[in-house]
Amino acid sequence: GDVFVECSRADLVGRYQGHTAAMVKKVVNSALGGVLFIDEAYSLVQGEGDTFGMEALDTLVALMENNRDNLIVIFAGYADDIDRFFSNNQGLKSRVPIELYFDDYSETELFSIMKLMLEKKNMRLSESASDEIRKIISEKSKEEDFGNARGIRNLTDAVIRQQNMRIATLMR
């Protein structure tokens, strides 16, 4: 069958000595025969003093090697952060033979994503609202922590909340 396991630091790093390795083994075993997707992988090790994070990474590297014919591991995150993450373990880079980088969405694509999100909620933007949203997307998409589609989801949610507040005010 198809196996896809998504996890993050919270699923891999324990709270006490000896807990971390067991957590990593459990997650890896659940992904055997498929894909282990580690979202925001760079957060796994949070600085040189993060012994639990380092233990998780070291255990993961060993398990990747031992299960290289039965496991695909995807380390997801921002390029610069992932590059720093890979420097935490000498053997990690050599065990990840393929690197894929995805460009950020264009402003036009972000606007289309927002329209799709709104359409799923049976909503549409007026022409004047569309113009204003395009301006906001243009500004926000330049911010370092915008987050691409996540930023658009947050913006869409904010637009819907704003509309709900306007309607509630009118109904009073």
C-alpha atoms as a PDB file:
ATOM      1  CA  GLY A   1       0.000   0.000   0.000  1.00  0.00           C
ATOM      2  CA  ASP A   2       0.881   3.649  -0.180  1.00  0.00           C
ATOM      3  CA  VAL A   3       2.626   4.957   2.908  1.00  0.00           C
ATOM      4  CA  PHE A   4       3.061   8.679   3.530  1.00  0.00           C
ATOM      5  CA  VAL A   5       3.945   9.839   7.026  1.00  0.00           C
ATOM      6  CA  GLU A   6       4.208  13.541   7.785  1.00  0.00           C
ATOM      7  CA  CYS A   7       5.965  14.661  10.939  1.00  0.00           C
ATOM      8  CA  SER A   8       7.736  17.577  12.573  1.00  0.00           C
ATOM      9  CA  ARG A   9      10.142  18.169  15.451  1.00  0.00           C
ATOM     10  CA  ALA A  10       7.417  17.436  18.003  1.00  0.00           C
ATOM     11  CA  ASP A  11       7.052  13.908  16.605  1.00  0.00           C
ATOM     12  CA  LEU A  12      10.787  13.176  16.666  1.00  0.00           C
ATOM     13  CA  VAL A  13      12.338  14.922  19.661  1.00  0.00           C
ATOM     14  CA  GLY A  14      11.717  13.563  23.145  1.00  0.00           C
ATOM     15  CA  ARG A  15      11.447  15.337  26.442  1.00  0.00           C
ATOM     16  CA  TYR A  16      13.858  13.241  28.458  1.00  0.00           C
ATOM     17  CA  GLN A  17      17.049  11.225  27.948  1.00  0.00           C
ATOM     18  CA  GLY A  18      16.442   8.069  25.909  1.00  0.00           C
ATOM     19  CA  HIS A  19      13.005   9.142  24.699  1.00  0.00           C
ATOM     20  CA  THR A  20      14.145  10.723  21.421  1.00  0.00           C
ATOM     21  CA  ALA A  21      15.702   7.670  19.753  1.00  0.00           C
ATOM     22  CA  ALA A  22      12.564   5.628  20.465  1.00  0.00           C
ATOM     23  CA  MET A  23      10.342   8.350  19.001  1.00  0.00           C
ATOM     24  CA  VAL A  24      12.442   8.566  15.823  1.00  0.00           C
ATOM     25  CA  LYS A  25      12.447   4.771  15.420  1.00  0.00           C
ATOM     26  CA  LYS A  26       8.668   4.634  15.841  1.00  0.00           C
ATOM     27  CA  VAL A  27       8.073   7.327  13.200  1.00  0.00           C
ATOM     28  CA  VAL A  28      10.573   5.810  10.752  1.00  0.00           C
ATOM     29  CA  ASN A  29       9.095   2.323  11.208  1.00  0.00           C
ATOM     30  CA  SER A  30       5.638   3.707  10.434  1.00  0.00           C
ATOM     31  CA  ALA A  31       6.981   5.121   7.145  1.00  0.00           C
ATOM     32  CA  LEU A  32       8.862   2.027   5.959  1.00  0.00           C
ATOM     33  CA  GLY A  33       7.868   1.090   2.441  1.00  0.00           C
ATOM     34  CA  GLY A  34       6.984   4.673   1.672  1.00  0.00           C
ATOM     35  CA  VAL A  35       7.746   8.321   2.344  1.00  0.00           C
ATOM     36  CA  LEU A  36       8.635  10.145   5.530  1.00  0.00           C
ATOM     37  CA  PHE A  37       7.956  13.872   5.076  1.00  0.00           C
ATOM     38  CA  ILE A  38       9.564  16.087   7.710  1.00  0.00           C
ATOM     39  CA  ASP A  39       7.995  19.531   7.554  1.00  0.00           C
ATOM     40  CA  GLU A  40      10.140  22.466   8.634  1.00  0.00           C
ATOM     41  CA  ALA A  41      12.985  19.967   9.040  1.00  0.00           C
ATOM     42  CA  TYR A  42      15.436  22.728   9.973  1.00  0.00           C
ATOM     43  CA  SER A  43      13.633  23.055  13.315  1.00  0.00           C
ATOM     44  CA  LEU A  44      14.742  19.541  14.243  1.00  0.00           C
ATOM     45  CA  VAL A  45      18.054  20.891  15.563  1.00  0.00           C
ATOM     46  CA  GLN A  46      17.736  24.234  17.305  1.00  0.00           C
ATOM     47  CA  GLY A  47      21.327  25.255  17.863  1.00  0.00           C
ATOM     48  CA  GLU A  48      24.508  23.589  19.074  1.00  0.00           C
ATOM     49  CA  GLY A  49      23.188  22.985  22.588  1.00  0.00           C
ATOM     50  CA  ASP A  50      20.122  21.079  21.392  1.00  0.00           C
ATOM     51  CA  THR A  51      21.257  17.586  22.400  1.00  0.00           C
ATOM     52  CA  PHE A  52      17.816  16.034  21.913  1.00  0.00           C
ATOM     53  CA  GLY A  53      17.552  17.509  18.429  1.00  0.00           C
ATOM     54  CA  MET A  54      21.025  16.247  17.552  1.00  0.00           C
ATOM     55  CA  GLU A  55      20.121  12.808  18.900  1.00  0.00           C
ATOM     56  CA  ALA A  56      17.019  12.795  16.707  1.00  0.00           C
ATOM     57  CA  LEU A  57      19.040  13.753  13.648  1.00  0.00           C
ATOM     58  CA  ASP A  58      21.806  11.219  14.339  1.00  0.00           C
ATOM     59  CA  THR A  59      19.239   8.459  14.880  1.00  0.00           C
ATOM     60  CA  LEU A  60      17.392   9.470  11.728  1.00  0.00           C
ATOM     61  CA  VAL A  61      20.574   9.414   9.625  1.00  0.00           C
ATOM     62  CA  ALA A  62      21.421   5.921  10.872  1.00  0.00           C
ATOM     63  CA  LEU A  63      17.904   4.668  10.151  1.00  0.00           C
ATOM     64  CA  MET A  64      17.947   6.270   6.701  1.00  0.00           C
ATOM     65  CA  GLU A  65      21.127   4.363   5.921  1.00  0.00           C
ATOM     66  CA  ASN A  66      19.830   1.082   7.343  1.00  0.00           C
ATOM     67  CA  ASN A  67      16.561   1.390   5.407  1.00  0.00           C
ATOM     68  CA  ARG A  68      17.812   3.109   2.248  1.00  0.00           C
ATOM     69  CA  ASP A  69      16.039   0.560  -0.003  1.00  0.00           C
ATOM     70  CA  ASN A  70      12.746   0.847   1.861  1.00  0.00           C
ATOM     71  CA  LEU A  71      12.349   4.506   2.783  1.00  0.00           C
ATOM     72  CA  ILE A  72      12.270   7.922   1.154  1.00  0.00           C
ATOM     73  CA  VAL A  73      12.825  10.887   3.452  1.00  0.00           C
ATOM     74  CA  ILE A  74      11.849  14.389   2.389  1.00  0.00           C
ATOM     75  CA  PHE A  75      13.262  17.298   4.367  1.00  0.00           C
ATOM     76  CA  ALA A  76      11.006  20.262   3.669  1.00  0.00           C
ATOM     77  CA  GLY A  77      11.718  23.872   4.503  1.00  0.00           C
ATOM     78  CA  TYR A  78      13.124  27.150   3.326  1.00  0.00           C
ATOM     79  CA  ALA A  79      16.318  26.718   1.275  1.00  0.00           C
ATOM     80  CA  ASP A  80      18.702  28.706   3.493  1.00  0.00           C
ATOM     81  CA  ASP A  81      17.383  27.051   6.650  1.00  0.00           C
ATOM     82  CA  ILE A  82      17.673  23.572   5.111  1.00  0.00           C
ATOM     83  CA  ASP A  83      21.255  24.299   4.019  1.00  0.00           C
ATOM     84  CA  ARG A  84      22.132  25.203   7.631  1.00  0.00           C
ATOM     85  CA  PHE A  85      20.274  22.105   8.852  1.00  0.00           C
ATOM     86  CA  PHE A  86      22.331  19.832   6.596  1.00  0.00           C
ATOM     87  CA  SER A  87      25.525  21.171   8.184  1.00  0.00           C
ATOM     88  CA  ASN A  88      24.490  19.621  11.530  1.00  0.00           C
ATOM     89  CA  ASN A  89      25.459  16.108  10.432  1.00  0.00           C
ATOM     90  CA  GLN A  90      28.312  15.263   8.058  1.00  0.00           C
ATOM     91  CA  GLY A  91      26.629  12.128   6.729  1.00  0.00           C
ATOM     92  CA  LEU A  92      23.259  13.696   6.035  1.00  0.00           C
ATOM     93  CA  LYS A  93      24.156  15.475   2.802  1.00  0.00           C
ATOM     94  CA  SER A  94      25.597  12.317   1.227  1.00  0.00           C
ATOM     95  CA  ARG A  95      22.417  10.384   2.073  1.00  0.00           C
ATOM     96  CA  VAL A  96      20.170  12.886   0.322  1.00  0.00           C
ATOM     97  CA  PRO A  97      21.144  12.591  -3.339  1.00  0.00           C
ATOM     98  CA  ILE A  98      18.331  14.724  -4.760  1.00  0.00           C
ATOM     99  CA  GLU A  99      17.566  18.331  -3.921  1.00  0.00           C
ATOM    100  CA  LEU A 100      14.503  20.069  -5.314  1.00  0.00           C
ATOM    101  CA  TYR A 101      13.941  23.770  -4.910  1.00  0.00           C
ATOM    102  CA  PHE A 102      10.579  25.303  -5.705  1.00  0.00           C
ATOM    103  CA  ASP A 103      10.301  28.945  -6.665  1.00  0.00           C
ATOM    104  CA  ASP A 104       7.814  31.104  -4.831  1.00  0.00           C
ATOM    105  CA  TYR A 105       4.477  31.607  -6.535  1.00  0.00           C
ATOM    106  CA  SER A 106       4.151  34.730  -8.654  1.00  0.00           C
ATOM    107  CA  GLU A 107       1.717  37.455  -7.622  1.00  0.00           C
ATOM    108  CA  THR A 108      -0.645  36.315 -10.388  1.00  0.00           C
ATOM    109  CA  GLU A 109      -0.511  32.730  -9.135  1.00  0.00           C
ATOM    110  CA  LEU A 110      -1.097  33.864  -5.556  1.00  0.00           C
ATOM    111  CA  PHE A 111      -4.140  35.848  -6.646  1.00  0.00           C
ATOM    112  CA  SER A 112      -5.471  32.778  -8.492  1.00  0.00           C
ATOM    113  CA  ILE A 113      -4.940  30.645  -5.388  1.00  0.00           C
ATOM    114  CA  MET A 114      -6.915  33.145  -3.327  1.00  0.00           C
ATOM    115  CA  LYS A 115      -9.751  33.170  -5.852  1.00  0.00           C
ATOM    116  CA  LEU A 116      -9.862  29.353  -5.708  1.00  0.00           C
ATOM    117  CA  MET A 117      -9.959  29.414  -1.913  1.00  0.00           C
ATOM    118  CA  LEU A 118     -12.835  31.866  -1.989  1.00  0.00           C
ATOM    119  CA  GLU A 119     -14.693  29.898  -4.681  1.00  0.00           C
ATOM    120  CA  LYS A 120     -14.539  26.808  -2.436  1.00  0.00           C
ATOM    121  CA  LYS A 121     -16.471  28.886   0.095  1.00  0.00           C
ATOM    122  CA  ASN A 122     -18.901  30.059  -2.602  1.00  0.00           C
ATOM    123  CA  MET A 123     -17.493  33.579  -2.522  1.00  0.00           C
ATOM    124  CA  ARG A 124     -16.241  35.943  -5.236  1.00  0.00           C
ATOM    125  CA  LEU A 125     -14.260  39.148  -5.241  1.00  0.00           C
ATOM    126  CA  SER A 126     -15.763  42.252  -6.789  1.00  0.00           C
ATOM    127  CA  GLU A 127     -13.643  44.093  -9.339  1.00  0.00           C
ATOM    128  CA  SER A 128     -12.718  46.822  -6.839  1.00  0.00           C
ATOM    129  CA  ALA A 129     -11.895  44.223  -4.169  1.00  0.00           C
ATOM    130  CA  SER A 130      -9.793  42.317  -6.719  1.00  0.00           C
ATOM    131  CA  ASP A 131      -7.741  45.448  -7.435  1.00  0.00           C
ATOM    132  CA  GLU A 132      -7.208  46.055  -3.715  1.00  0.00           C
ATOM    133  CA  ILE A 133      -6.287  42.404  -3.052  1.00  0.00           C
ATOM    134  CA  ARG A 134      -3.750  42.474  -5.890  1.00  0.00           C
ATOM    135  CA  LYS A 135      -2.086  45.490  -4.236  1.00  0.00           C
ATOM    136  CA  ILE A 136      -2.023  43.738  -0.864  1.00  0.00           C
ATOM    137  CA  ILE A 137      -0.574  40.573  -2.404  1.00  0.00           C
ATOM    138  CA  SER A 138       2.082  42.641  -4.143  1.00  0.00           C
ATOM    139  CA  GLU A 139       3.122  44.198  -0.816  1.00  0.00           C
ATOM    140  CA  LYS A 140       2.815  41.091   1.383  1.00  0.00           C
ATOM    141  CA  SER A 141       4.551  38.706  -1.021  1.00  0.00           C
ATOM    142  CA  LYS A 142       7.744  40.725  -0.680  1.00  0.00           C
ATOM    143  CA  GLU A 143       7.856  40.166   3.094  1.00  0.00           C
ATOM    144  CA  GLU A 144      10.400  37.546   4.142  1.00  0.00           C
ATOM    145  CA  ASP A 145       7.976  35.551   6.300  1.00  0.00           C
ATOM    146  CA  PHE A 146       5.000  35.699   3.921  1.00  0.00           C
ATOM    147  CA  GLY A 147       4.897  31.939   3.364  1.00  0.00           C
ATOM    148  CA  ASN A 148       3.517  31.796  -0.177  1.00  0.00           C
ATOM    149  CA  ALA A 149       0.245  29.831  -0.256  1.00  0.00           C
ATOM    150  CA  ARG A 150       0.087  29.836   3.560  1.00  0.00           C
ATOM    151  CA  GLY A 151       0.270  33.628   3.405  1.00  0.00           C
ATOM    152  CA  ILE A 152      -2.595  33.642   0.927  1.00  0.00           C
ATOM    153  CA  ARG A 153      -4.638  31.312   3.144  1.00  0.00           C
ATOM    154  CA  ASN A 154      -4.080  33.699   6.065  1.00  0.00           C
ATOM    155  CA  LEU A 155      -5.000  36.685   3.893  1.00  0.00           C
ATOM    156  CA  THR A 156      -8.126  34.896   2.650  1.00  0.00           C
ATOM    157  CA  ASP A 157      -9.143  34.098   6.230  1.00  0.00           C
ATOM    158  CA  ALA A 158      -8.585  37.747   7.189  1.00  0.00           C
ATOM    159  CA  VAL A 159     -10.758  38.940   4.278  1.00  0.00           C
ATOM    160  CA  ILE A 160     -13.552  36.574   5.327  1.00  0.00           C
ATOM    161  CA  ARG A 161     -13.306  37.685   8.981  1.00  0.00           C
ATOM    162  CA  GLN A 162     -13.456  41.312   7.869  1.00  0.00           C
ATOM    163  CA  GLN A 163     -16.556  40.607   5.788  1.00  0.00           C
ATOM    164  CA  ASN A 164     -18.182  38.795   8.709  1.00  0.00           C
ATOM    165  CA  MET A 165     -17.500  41.750  11.007  1.00  0.00           C
ATOM    166  CA  ARG A 166     -19.018  44.171   8.455  1.00  0.00           C
ATOM    167  CA  ILE A 167     -22.136  41.998   8.158  1.00  0.00           C
ATOM    168  CA  ALA A 168     -22.448  41.656  11.934  1.00  0.00           C
ATOM    169  CA  THR A 169     -22.184  45.425  12.331  1.00  0.00           C
ATOM    170  CA  LEU A 170     -24.885  45.989   9.702  1.00  0.00           C
ATOM    171  CA  MET A 171     -27.183  43.498  11.401  1.00  0.00           C
ATOM    172  CA  ARG A 172     -26.984  45.286  14.768  1.00  0.00           C
END
